[in-house]
Amino acid sequence: MRLQDVRAIVTGAASGLGKHFTLQLARAGALVAAGDIDIKGLEQVKNLSQEMPGRVVTARLDASQEASVTSFVKEAAQQFDGLNALVNSAGILRDGLLASNDGGWIKKLPMAQWKQVLDVNLTGPYLVTREVISKSWHGKLNRVWLSTFPLFPTTETPDNPITQLRRRVWMPVPALGRWNWRVRACAWAQLPRE
């Protein structure tokens, strides 16, 4: 598939890898639906893409909320007459230890903080993936799948629970190959800032 034939959704498009993928796809001539909760960041992406051969449409997207995802994917599929690519790049990091000793006080990671990370970084890619597949199932073009999988910076070891969770959630996805889906995944890690 040629990049100018791509009709993509990019989540987390207002900054970082999502912004990069959005602009690179637009530079190559693709149609891109860029979603994020950061509206000002999306406006910047839209402005940066104005002179590029492709087209970027932006809208608010909370990847952790089913109604937001369903609406965003439906609108993108209608605007582009179908979808054939996805970059799942929305993700958050909330630093904190499960428990720590702070001057004699035991501090625990709040449950709400843990749940927020899981909702954005695990449930989000699941929801977006599910909706894109459902809107693209009967498409005529070869489908391409790109996915960053932001969960947690972690060491990949067989006994690591995050590694096991990734395998359980994403191992079935390659089975989509029989329907001409191509799956590529890369997990990111937090990089030190300068």
N, C-alpha and C. Protein backbone atom coordinates (compact mmCIF):
# COMPACT_ATOMS: atom_id res chain seq x y z
N MET A 1 0.84 -1.17 0.00
CA MET A 1 0.00 0.00 0.00
C MET A 1 0.89 1.24 0.00
N ARG A 2 0.50 2.21 -0.79
CA ARG A 2 1.24 3.47 -0.83
C ARG A 2 0.76 4.37 0.30
N LEU A 3 1.66 5.16 0.85
CA LEU A 3 1.30 6.01 1.97
C LEU A 3 0.21 7.01 1.62
N GLN A 4 0.16 7.46 0.39
CA GLN A 4 -0.89 8.40 0.01
C GLN A 4 -2.27 7.74 -0.04
N ASP A 5 -2.32 6.42 0.06
CA ASP A 5 -3.59 5.70 0.12
C ASP A 5 -4.05 5.42 1.55
N VAL A 6 -3.24 5.81 2.52
CA VAL A 6 -3.55 5.54 3.91
C VAL A 6 -4.65 6.47 4.41
N ARG A 7 -5.60 5.86 5.14
CA ARG A 7 -6.67 6.60 5.83
C ARG A 7 -6.58 6.16 7.29
N ALA A 8 -5.89 6.97 8.09
CA ALA A 8 -5.48 6.54 9.42
C ALA A 8 -6.14 7.29 10.56
N ILE A 9 -6.18 6.61 11.69
CA ILE A 9 -6.47 7.24 12.97
C ILE A 9 -5.18 7.22 13.76
N VAL A 10 -4.89 8.35 14.40
CA VAL A 10 -3.75 8.43 15.32
C VAL A 10 -4.29 8.94 16.65
N THR A 11 -4.09 8.17 17.71
CA THR A 11 -4.47 8.62 19.05
C THR A 11 -3.25 9.23 19.73
N GLY A 12 -3.49 10.08 20.70
CA GLY A 12 -2.38 10.76 21.36
C GLY A 12 -1.64 11.67 20.40
N ALA A 13 -2.37 12.27 19.46
CA ALA A 13 -1.78 12.98 18.33
C ALA A 13 -1.30 14.40 18.64
N ALA A 14 -1.57 14.90 19.83
CA ALA A 14 -1.21 16.28 20.14
C ALA A 14 0.25 16.46 20.54
N SER A 15 0.93 15.36 20.84
CA SER A 15 2.33 15.47 21.27
C SER A 15 3.05 14.14 21.07
N GLY A 16 4.35 14.18 21.26
CA GLY A 16 5.16 12.97 21.27
C GLY A 16 5.10 12.16 19.98
N LEU A 17 5.07 10.84 20.14
CA LEU A 17 5.05 9.95 18.98
C LEU A 17 3.78 10.12 18.15
N GLY A 18 2.65 10.36 18.79
CA GLY A 18 1.40 10.56 18.05
C GLY A 18 1.49 11.75 17.12
N LYS A 19 2.04 12.85 17.61
CA LYS A 19 2.23 14.05 16.78
C LYS A 19 3.18 13.74 15.62
N HIS A 20 4.26 13.06 15.93
CA HIS A 20 5.24 12.71 14.90
C HIS A 20 4.61 11.86 13.80
N PHE A 21 3.89 10.80 14.18
CA PHE A 21 3.26 9.93 13.19
C PHE A 21 2.22 10.69 12.36
N THR A 22 1.43 11.54 13.02
CA THR A 22 0.43 12.33 12.31
C THR A 22 1.07 13.18 11.23
N LEU A 23 2.11 13.91 11.59
CA LEU A 23 2.76 14.82 10.63
C LEU A 23 3.49 14.05 9.54
N GLN A 24 4.12 12.94 9.87
CA GLN A 24 4.81 12.15 8.84
C GLN A 24 3.83 11.54 7.85
N LEU A 25 2.71 11.05 8.34
CA LEU A 25 1.70 10.51 7.43
C LEU A 25 1.13 11.60 6.53
N ALA A 26 0.84 12.77 7.11
CA ALA A 26 0.33 13.89 6.30
C ALA A 26 1.37 14.34 5.27
N ARG A 27 2.62 14.36 5.68
CA ARG A 27 3.71 14.74 4.76
C ARG A 27 3.78 13.77 3.58
N ALA A 28 3.42 12.51 3.81
CA ALA A 28 3.45 11.49 2.75
C ALA A 28 2.17 11.47 1.93
N GLY A 29 1.18 12.30 2.30
CA GLY A 29 -0.05 12.38 1.51
C GLY A 29 -1.23 11.62 2.07
N ALA A 30 -1.12 11.12 3.29
CA ALA A 30 -2.19 10.33 3.90
C ALA A 30 -3.31 11.21 4.45
N LEU A 31 -4.47 10.60 4.63
CA LEU A 31 -5.58 11.23 5.36
C LEU A 31 -5.46 10.76 6.81
N VAL A 32 -5.46 11.70 7.75
CA VAL A 32 -5.24 11.34 9.15
C VAL A 32 -6.30 11.99 10.04
N ALA A 33 -6.97 11.17 10.84
CA ALA A 33 -7.86 11.65 11.89
C ALA A 33 -7.04 11.63 13.17
N ALA A 34 -6.70 12.81 13.67
CA ALA A 34 -5.83 12.95 14.83
C ALA A 34 -6.67 13.24 16.07
N GLY A 35 -6.57 12.39 17.08
CA GLY A 35 -7.36 12.56 18.28
C GLY A 35 -6.52 12.67 19.53
N ASP A 36 -6.99 13.47 20.47
CA ASP A 36 -6.29 13.66 21.74
C ASP A 36 -7.23 14.43 22.67
N ILE A 37 -6.93 14.45 23.97
CA ILE A 37 -7.69 15.29 24.89
C ILE A 37 -7.13 16.70 24.93
N ASP A 38 -5.93 16.88 24.41
CA ASP A 38 -5.26 18.18 24.40
C ASP A 38 -5.65 18.96 23.13
N ILE A 39 -6.68 19.79 23.24
CA ILE A 39 -7.21 20.52 22.09
C ILE A 39 -6.20 21.53 21.54
N LYS A 40 -5.49 22.22 22.42
CA LYS A 40 -4.50 23.20 21.96
C LYS A 40 -3.37 22.50 21.19
N GLY A 41 -2.95 21.34 21.66
CA GLY A 41 -1.93 20.58 20.95
C GLY A 41 -2.42 20.13 19.58
N LEU A 42 -3.70 19.74 19.50
CA LEU A 42 -4.28 19.33 18.22
C LEU A 42 -4.34 20.52 17.25
N GLU A 43 -4.64 21.70 17.76
CA GLU A 43 -4.67 22.88 16.91
C GLU A 43 -3.28 23.14 16.31
N GLN A 44 -2.25 22.95 17.12
CA GLN A 44 -0.88 23.13 16.63
C GLN A 44 -0.57 22.10 15.54
N VAL A 45 -0.96 20.84 15.75
CA VAL A 45 -0.74 19.80 14.74
C VAL A 45 -1.47 20.16 13.45
N LYS A 46 -2.70 20.61 13.57
CA LYS A 46 -3.49 21.00 12.39
C LYS A 46 -2.79 22.13 11.63
N ASN A 47 -2.30 23.14 12.35
CA ASN A 47 -1.58 24.25 11.71
C ASN A 47 -0.30 23.79 11.04
N LEU A 48 0.45 22.90 11.69
CA LEU A 48 1.70 22.41 11.11
C LEU A 48 1.47 21.59 9.83
N SER A 49 0.29 21.00 9.72
CA SER A 49 0.00 20.13 8.57
C SER A 49 -0.63 20.86 7.39
N GLN A 50 -0.94 22.13 7.54
CA GLN A 50 -1.69 22.87 6.52
C GLN A 50 -1.08 22.80 5.13
N GLU A 51 0.22 22.89 5.01
CA GLU A 51 0.87 22.94 3.70
C GLU A 51 1.33 21.56 3.21
N MET A 52 0.96 20.52 3.92
CA MET A 52 1.40 19.17 3.55
C MET A 52 0.44 18.56 2.53
N PRO A 53 0.92 17.59 1.76
CA PRO A 53 0.08 16.97 0.73
C PRO A 53 -1.14 16.21 1.29
N GLY A 54 -1.01 15.66 2.49
CA GLY A 54 -2.12 14.93 3.09
C GLY A 54 -3.07 15.86 3.80
N ARG A 55 -4.07 15.28 4.45
CA ARG A 55 -5.06 16.07 5.16
C ARG A 55 -5.19 15.54 6.58
N VAL A 56 -5.18 16.46 7.53
CA VAL A 56 -5.34 16.10 8.94
C VAL A 56 -6.62 16.73 9.45
N VAL A 57 -7.50 15.90 10.00
CA VAL A 57 -8.68 16.40 10.71
C VAL A 57 -8.47 16.06 12.18
N THR A 58 -8.83 17.01 13.03
CA THR A 58 -8.59 16.81 14.46
C THR A 58 -9.90 16.86 15.22
N ALA A 59 -9.93 16.13 16.31
CA ALA A 59 -11.10 16.14 17.20
C ALA A 59 -10.67 15.64 18.57
N ARG A 60 -11.40 16.07 19.57
CA ARG A 60 -11.12 15.60 20.92
C ARG A 60 -11.42 14.11 21.00
N LEU A 61 -10.51 13.39 21.61
CA LEU A 61 -10.68 11.95 21.80
C LEU A 61 -10.11 11.57 23.16
N ASP A 62 -10.95 10.99 24.00
CA ASP A 62 -10.49 10.39 25.25
C ASP A 62 -10.50 8.89 25.02
N ALA A 63 -9.34 8.35 24.76
CA ALA A 63 -9.22 6.93 24.38
C ALA A 63 -9.68 5.99 25.48
N SER A 64 -9.80 6.48 26.70
CA SER A 64 -10.24 5.62 27.80
C SER A 64 -11.76 5.56 27.95
N GLN A 65 -12.47 6.35 27.15
CA GLN A 65 -13.93 6.42 27.25
C GLN A 65 -14.59 5.83 26.00
N GLU A 66 -15.37 4.79 26.19
CA GLU A 66 -15.97 4.06 25.07
C GLU A 66 -16.80 4.96 24.16
N ALA A 67 -17.62 5.82 24.72
CA ALA A 67 -18.47 6.69 23.89
C ALA A 67 -17.62 7.63 23.05
N SER A 68 -16.56 8.17 23.60
CA SER A 68 -15.66 9.06 22.87
C SER A 68 -14.98 8.32 21.72
N VAL A 69 -14.51 7.12 21.99
CA VAL A 69 -13.84 6.32 20.96
C VAL A 69 -14.82 5.95 19.84
N THR A 70 -15.98 5.47 20.21
CA THR A 70 -16.98 5.06 19.22
C THR A 70 -17.33 6.21 18.29
N SER A 71 -17.59 7.37 18.86
CA SER A 71 -17.95 8.54 18.08
C SER A 71 -16.80 8.99 17.17
N PHE A 72 -15.59 9.03 17.71
CA PHE A 72 -14.42 9.48 16.95
C PHE A 72 -14.16 8.56 15.75
N VAL A 73 -14.16 7.26 15.99
CA VAL A 73 -13.88 6.30 14.91
C VAL A 73 -14.98 6.33 13.86
N LYS A 74 -16.23 6.42 14.29
CA LYS A 74 -17.35 6.48 13.34
C LYS A 74 -17.21 7.70 12.44
N GLU A 75 -16.92 8.86 13.02
CA GLU A 75 -16.78 10.10 12.25
C GLU A 75 -15.59 10.01 11.28
N ALA A 76 -14.47 9.48 11.74
CA ALA A 76 -13.29 9.35 10.87
C ALA A 76 -13.58 8.41 9.70
N ALA A 77 -14.22 7.29 9.99
CA ALA A 77 -14.54 6.32 8.92
C ALA A 77 -15.48 6.95 7.89
N GLN A 78 -16.43 7.75 8.34
CA GLN A 78 -17.34 8.42 7.41
C GLN A 78 -16.63 9.48 6.58
N GLN A 79 -15.79 10.29 7.23
CA GLN A 79 -15.09 11.36 6.51
C GLN A 79 -14.12 10.81 5.47
N PHE A 80 -13.47 9.69 5.77
CA PHE A 80 -12.44 9.15 4.88
C PHE A 80 -12.94 8.00 4.02
N ASP A 81 -14.22 7.70 4.08
CA ASP A 81 -14.79 6.58 3.34
C ASP A 81 -14.07 5.28 3.71
N GLY A 82 -13.90 5.07 4.99
CA GLY A 82 -13.24 3.87 5.50
C GLY A 82 -11.90 4.19 6.13
N LEU A 83 -11.35 3.21 6.82
CA LEU A 83 -10.06 3.33 7.49
C LEU A 83 -9.20 2.14 7.12
N ASN A 84 -7.89 2.35 7.07
CA ASN A 84 -7.00 1.22 6.81
C ASN A 84 -5.71 1.28 7.60
N ALA A 85 -5.62 2.19 8.57
CA ALA A 85 -4.42 2.25 9.41
C ALA A 85 -4.77 2.83 10.78
N LEU A 86 -4.04 2.39 11.77
CA LEU A 86 -4.22 2.87 13.13
C LEU A 86 -2.88 3.00 13.81
N VAL A 87 -2.68 4.13 14.48
CA VAL A 87 -1.53 4.30 15.36
C VAL A 87 -2.10 4.59 16.75
N ASN A 88 -2.02 3.60 17.64
CA ASN A 88 -2.46 3.76 19.02
C ASN A 88 -1.31 4.36 19.80
N SER A 89 -1.34 5.66 20.02
CA SER A 89 -0.22 6.30 20.68
C SER A 89 -0.61 7.06 21.94
N ALA A 90 -1.88 7.08 22.29
CA ALA A 90 -2.29 7.75 23.52
C ALA A 90 -1.76 6.98 24.72
N GLY A 91 -1.19 7.68 25.65
CA GLY A 91 -0.67 7.03 26.84
C GLY A 91 -0.29 8.03 27.90
N ILE A 92 -0.33 7.59 29.14
CA ILE A 92 0.06 8.44 30.26
C ILE A 92 0.99 7.67 31.18
N LEU A 93 1.74 8.41 31.95
CA LEU A 93 2.61 7.82 32.96
C LEU A 93 2.37 8.57 34.25
N ARG A 94 2.05 7.87 35.29
CA ARG A 94 1.87 8.47 36.61
C ARG A 94 2.90 7.81 37.52
N ASP A 95 3.96 8.56 37.81
CA ASP A 95 5.03 8.02 38.64
C ASP A 95 4.53 7.72 40.04
N GLY A 96 5.05 6.67 40.58
CA GLY A 96 4.74 6.35 41.96
C GLY A 96 5.04 4.90 42.25
N LEU A 97 5.50 4.65 43.45
CA LEU A 97 5.73 3.29 43.90
C LEU A 97 4.44 2.75 44.48
N LEU A 98 4.29 1.44 44.49
CA LEU A 98 3.09 0.86 45.10
C LEU A 98 3.00 1.26 46.56
N ALA A 99 4.15 1.26 47.24
CA ALA A 99 4.22 1.71 48.62
C ALA A 99 5.63 2.21 48.88
N SER A 100 5.74 3.24 49.68
CA SER A 100 7.05 3.77 50.01
C SER A 100 7.05 4.30 51.44
N ASN A 101 8.24 4.37 52.01
CA ASN A 101 8.41 4.89 53.35
C ASN A 101 8.90 6.32 53.22
N ASP A 102 8.12 7.25 53.67
CA ASP A 102 8.46 8.66 53.55
C ASP A 102 8.57 9.25 54.95
N GLY A 103 9.76 9.21 55.52
CA GLY A 103 9.98 9.77 56.86
C GLY A 103 9.17 9.08 57.93
N GLY A 104 9.03 7.78 57.84
CA GLY A 104 8.27 7.03 58.83
C GLY A 104 6.80 6.83 58.46
N TRP A 105 6.34 7.55 57.46
CA TRP A 105 4.96 7.40 56.99
C TRP A 105 4.96 6.47 55.78
N ILE A 106 4.07 5.53 55.76
CA ILE A 106 3.93 4.64 54.61
C ILE A 106 2.95 5.30 53.64
N LYS A 107 3.44 5.56 52.45
CA LYS A 107 2.59 6.15 51.40
C LYS A 107 2.25 5.06 50.39
N LYS A 108 1.01 5.00 49.98
CA LYS A 108 0.55 4.01 48.99
C LYS A 108 0.15 4.71 47.71
N LEU A 109 0.37 4.03 46.59
CA LEU A 109 -0.08 4.55 45.30
C LEU A 109 -1.61 4.56 45.31
N PRO A 110 -2.23 5.71 45.07
CA PRO A 110 -3.70 5.77 45.09
C PRO A 110 -4.31 4.90 43.99
N MET A 111 -5.39 4.23 44.32
CA MET A 111 -6.09 3.37 43.38
C MET A 111 -6.57 4.15 42.16
N ALA A 112 -7.01 5.37 42.36
CA ALA A 112 -7.49 6.18 41.23
C ALA A 112 -6.38 6.43 40.22
N GLN A 113 -5.16 6.64 40.72
CA GLN A 113 -4.01 6.86 39.84
C GLN A 113 -3.71 5.60 39.04
N TRP A 114 -3.72 4.45 39.69
CA TRP A 114 -3.49 3.16 39.04
C TRP A 114 -4.55 2.90 37.96
N LYS A 115 -5.81 3.15 38.31
CA LYS A 115 -6.91 2.91 37.38
C LYS A 115 -6.83 3.83 36.16
N GLN A 116 -6.43 5.08 36.37
CA GLN A 116 -6.31 6.02 35.25
C GLN A 116 -5.27 5.54 34.24
N VAL A 117 -4.15 5.04 34.74
CA VAL A 117 -3.11 4.53 33.84
C VAL A 117 -3.62 3.33 33.06
N LEU A 118 -4.29 2.41 33.73
CA LEU A 118 -4.84 1.23 33.05
C LEU A 118 -5.90 1.62 32.03
N ASP A 119 -6.76 2.58 32.39
CA ASP A 119 -7.83 3.00 31.49
C ASP A 119 -7.28 3.60 30.20
N VAL A 120 -6.27 4.44 30.31
CA VAL A 120 -5.72 5.09 29.12
C VAL A 120 -4.80 4.13 28.35
N ASN A 121 -3.91 3.44 29.06
CA ASN A 121 -2.85 2.69 28.41
C ASN A 121 -3.20 1.26 28.03
N LEU A 122 -4.24 0.71 28.60
CA LEU A 122 -4.62 -0.66 28.27
C LEU A 122 -6.03 -0.71 27.67
N THR A 123 -6.99 -0.13 28.36
CA THR A 123 -8.36 -0.13 27.84
C THR A 123 -8.46 0.73 26.58
N GLY A 124 -7.74 1.85 26.55
CA GLY A 124 -7.77 2.73 25.38
C GLY A 124 -7.41 2.03 24.08
N PRO A 125 -6.22 1.40 24.00
CA PRO A 125 -5.88 0.70 22.76
C PRO A 125 -6.88 -0.42 22.41
N TYR A 126 -7.40 -1.10 23.42
CA TYR A 126 -8.41 -2.12 23.18
C TYR A 126 -9.65 -1.52 22.51
N LEU A 127 -10.17 -0.42 23.09
CA LEU A 127 -11.38 0.20 22.55
C LEU A 127 -11.17 0.73 21.13
N VAL A 128 -10.07 1.43 20.90
CA VAL A 128 -9.81 1.99 19.58
C VAL A 128 -9.61 0.88 18.56
N THR A 129 -8.85 -0.13 18.93
CA THR A 129 -8.61 -1.27 18.03
C THR A 129 -9.92 -1.94 17.66
N ARG A 130 -10.74 -2.21 18.65
CA ARG A 130 -12.03 -2.87 18.42
C ARG A 130 -12.90 -2.06 17.45
N GLU A 131 -12.98 -0.75 17.68
CA GLU A 131 -13.83 0.08 16.83
C GLU A 131 -13.29 0.20 15.41
N VAL A 132 -11.98 0.35 15.27
CA VAL A 132 -11.41 0.45 13.92
C VAL A 132 -11.62 -0.85 13.15
N ILE A 133 -11.41 -1.99 13.81
CA ILE A 133 -11.63 -3.27 13.13
C ILE A 133 -13.10 -3.38 12.70
N SER A 134 -14.02 -2.99 13.57
CA SER A 134 -15.43 -3.12 13.23
C SER A 134 -15.84 -2.21 12.08
N LYS A 135 -15.18 -1.07 11.94
CA LYS A 135 -15.50 -0.14 10.85
C LYS A 135 -14.75 -0.47 9.56
N SER A 136 -13.74 -1.30 9.65
CA SER A 136 -12.89 -1.59 8.49
C SER A 136 -13.02 -3.01 7.98
N TRP A 137 -13.86 -3.79 8.62
CA TRP A 137 -13.94 -5.22 8.32
C TRP A 137 -14.22 -5.51 6.86
N HIS A 138 -15.09 -4.74 6.24
CA HIS A 138 -15.49 -5.02 4.87
C HIS A 138 -14.82 -4.10 3.86
N GLY A 139 -13.72 -3.48 4.26
CA GLY A 139 -13.02 -2.57 3.35
C GLY A 139 -12.45 -3.29 2.15
N LYS A 140 -12.21 -2.56 1.08
CA LYS A 140 -11.71 -3.16 -0.15
C LYS A 140 -10.20 -3.11 -0.23
N LEU A 141 -9.57 -2.23 0.55
CA LEU A 141 -8.12 -2.08 0.46
C LEU A 141 -7.42 -2.98 1.47
N ASN A 142 -6.18 -3.28 1.16
CA ASN A 142 -5.32 -3.99 2.09
C ASN A 142 -5.22 -3.18 3.38
N ARG A 143 -5.34 -3.82 4.50
CA ARG A 143 -5.33 -3.10 5.76
C ARG A 143 -3.94 -3.12 6.38
N VAL A 144 -3.56 -2.01 6.94
CA VAL A 144 -2.27 -1.88 7.62
C VAL A 144 -2.53 -1.50 9.06
N TRP A 145 -1.81 -2.10 9.95
CA TRP A 145 -2.01 -1.84 11.36
C TRP A 145 -0.70 -1.40 11.99
N LEU A 146 -0.68 -0.23 12.55
CA LEU A 146 0.47 0.24 13.30
C LEU A 146 0.01 0.51 14.72
N SER A 147 0.74 0.05 15.68
CA SER A 147 0.29 0.29 17.04
C SER A 147 1.47 0.46 17.97
N THR A 148 1.55 1.59 18.62
CA THR A 148 2.44 1.69 19.76
C THR A 148 1.60 1.22 20.93
N PHE A 149 2.20 0.59 21.88
CA PHE A 149 1.43 0.06 23.00
C PHE A 149 1.98 0.64 24.29
N PRO A 150 1.51 1.82 24.67
CA PRO A 150 2.02 2.44 25.88
C PRO A 150 1.39 1.81 27.11
N LEU A 151 2.16 1.11 27.88
CA LEU A 151 1.61 0.58 29.12
C LEU A 151 2.48 1.07 30.27
N PHE A 152 3.56 0.43 30.50
CA PHE A 152 4.47 0.85 31.55
C PHE A 152 5.88 0.57 31.09
N PRO A 153 6.84 1.46 31.42
CA PRO A 153 8.22 1.09 31.17
C PRO A 153 8.54 -0.10 32.06
N THR A 154 8.96 -1.18 31.49
CA THR A 154 9.14 -2.38 32.28
C THR A 154 10.16 -3.29 31.61
N THR A 155 10.71 -4.18 32.37
CA THR A 155 11.62 -5.17 31.84
C THR A 155 10.79 -6.34 31.31
N GLU A 156 11.05 -6.72 30.06
CA GLU A 156 10.30 -7.83 29.46
C GLU A 156 10.88 -9.16 29.95
N THR A 157 10.25 -9.75 30.93
CA THR A 157 10.64 -11.07 31.42
C THR A 157 9.38 -11.93 31.46
N PRO A 158 9.53 -13.24 31.28
CA PRO A 158 8.34 -14.11 31.23
C PRO A 158 7.47 -14.05 32.48
N ASP A 159 8.08 -13.81 33.66
CA ASP A 159 7.29 -13.81 34.89
C ASP A 159 6.75 -12.43 35.25
N ASN A 160 7.06 -11.42 34.46
CA ASN A 160 6.57 -10.07 34.72
C ASN A 160 5.07 -10.03 34.40
N PRO A 161 4.22 -9.58 35.33
CA PRO A 161 2.78 -9.58 35.08
C PRO A 161 2.37 -8.68 33.91
N ILE A 162 3.10 -7.59 33.69
CA ILE A 162 2.77 -6.71 32.56
C ILE A 162 3.07 -7.41 31.25
N THR A 163 4.19 -8.14 31.19
CA THR A 163 4.53 -8.92 30.00
C THR A 163 3.44 -9.95 29.73
N GLN A 164 2.99 -10.63 30.78
CA GLN A 164 1.93 -11.63 30.62
C GLN A 164 0.63 -10.99 30.14
N LEU A 165 0.31 -9.82 30.67
CA LEU A 165 -0.90 -9.12 30.26
C LEU A 165 -0.82 -8.71 28.79
N ARG A 166 0.33 -8.18 28.37
CA ARG A 166 0.51 -7.81 26.97
C ARG A 166 0.30 -9.02 26.06
N ARG A 167 0.86 -10.14 26.45
CA ARG A 167 0.74 -11.34 25.62
C ARG A 167 -0.70 -11.82 25.54
N ARG A 168 -1.41 -11.78 26.64
CA ARG A 168 -2.81 -12.24 26.64
C ARG A 168 -3.69 -11.34 25.79
N VAL A 169 -3.45 -10.05 25.85
CA VAL A 169 -4.29 -9.11 25.12
C VAL A 169 -3.94 -9.09 23.64
N TRP A 170 -2.65 -9.09 23.31
CA TRP A 170 -2.24 -8.83 21.94
C TRP A 170 -1.84 -10.07 21.15
N MET A 171 -1.59 -11.21 21.78
CA MET A 171 -1.21 -12.39 21.01
C MET A 171 -2.28 -12.83 20.01
N PRO A 172 -3.59 -12.70 20.32
CA PRO A 172 -4.60 -13.11 19.35
C PRO A 172 -4.65 -12.21 18.11
N VAL A 173 -4.13 -10.99 18.19
CA VAL A 173 -4.24 -10.06 17.07
C VAL A 173 -3.60 -10.59 15.78
N PRO A 174 -2.42 -11.27 15.81
CA PRO A 174 -1.88 -11.77 14.55
C PRO A 174 -2.80 -12.72 13.80
N ALA A 175 -3.76 -13.32 14.48
CA ALA A 175 -4.72 -14.19 13.80
C ALA A 175 -5.54 -13.42 12.77
N LEU A 176 -5.55 -12.09 12.87
CA LEU A 176 -6.27 -11.27 11.90
C LEU A 176 -5.63 -11.33 10.52
N GLY A 177 -4.43 -11.87 10.42
CA GLY A 177 -3.73 -11.98 9.14
C GLY A 177 -4.54 -12.72 8.08
N ARG A 178 -5.35 -13.67 8.49
CA ARG A 178 -6.15 -14.41 7.52
C ARG A 178 -7.18 -13.52 6.84
N TRP A 179 -7.47 -12.34 7.45
CA TRP A 179 -8.37 -11.37 6.82
C TRP A 179 -7.59 -10.21 6.23
N ASN A 180 -6.31 -10.42 6.01
CA ASN A 180 -5.43 -9.45 5.37
C ASN A 180 -5.06 -8.26 6.25
N TRP A 181 -5.15 -8.41 7.55
CA TRP A 181 -4.66 -7.38 8.47
C TRP A 181 -3.18 -7.62 8.68
N ARG A 182 -2.42 -6.57 8.77
CA ARG A 182 -1.00 -6.65 9.06
C ARG A 182 -0.76 -5.96 10.40
N VAL A 183 -0.21 -6.68 11.35
CA VAL A 183 -0.05 -6.17 12.70
C VAL A 183 1.42 -5.88 12.97
N ARG A 184 1.69 -4.68 13.41
CA ARG A 184 3.03 -4.29 13.82
C ARG A 184 2.88 -3.59 15.16
N ALA A 185 3.66 -3.95 16.13
CA ALA A 185 3.56 -3.32 17.44
C ALA A 185 4.94 -2.95 17.95
N CYS A 186 5.00 -1.85 18.61
CA CYS A 186 6.23 -1.49 19.31
C CYS A 186 5.83 -0.89 20.64
N ALA A 187 6.48 -1.34 21.70
CA ALA A 187 6.18 -0.80 23.02
C ALA A 187 7.17 0.30 23.31
N TRP A 188 6.70 1.36 23.88
CA TRP A 188 7.58 2.49 24.18
C TRP A 188 7.95 2.47 25.65
N ALA A 189 8.94 3.25 25.96
CA ALA A 189 9.35 3.43 27.36
C ALA A 189 9.59 4.91 27.59
N GLN A 190 9.50 5.31 28.82
CA GLN A 190 9.75 6.71 29.16
C GLN A 190 11.22 7.02 28.92
N LEU A 191 11.48 8.08 28.18
CA LEU A 191 12.84 8.50 27.91
C LEU A 191 13.20 9.65 28.83
N PRO A 192 14.46 9.69 29.28
CA PRO A 192 14.84 10.82 30.14
C PRO A 192 14.78 12.13 29.35
N ARG A 193 14.31 13.17 30.01
CA ARG A 193 14.23 14.48 29.37
C ARG A 193 15.53 15.21 29.57
N GLU A 194 15.83 16.07 28.61
CA GLU A 194 17.09 16.82 28.69
C GLU A 194 17.00 17.95 29.69
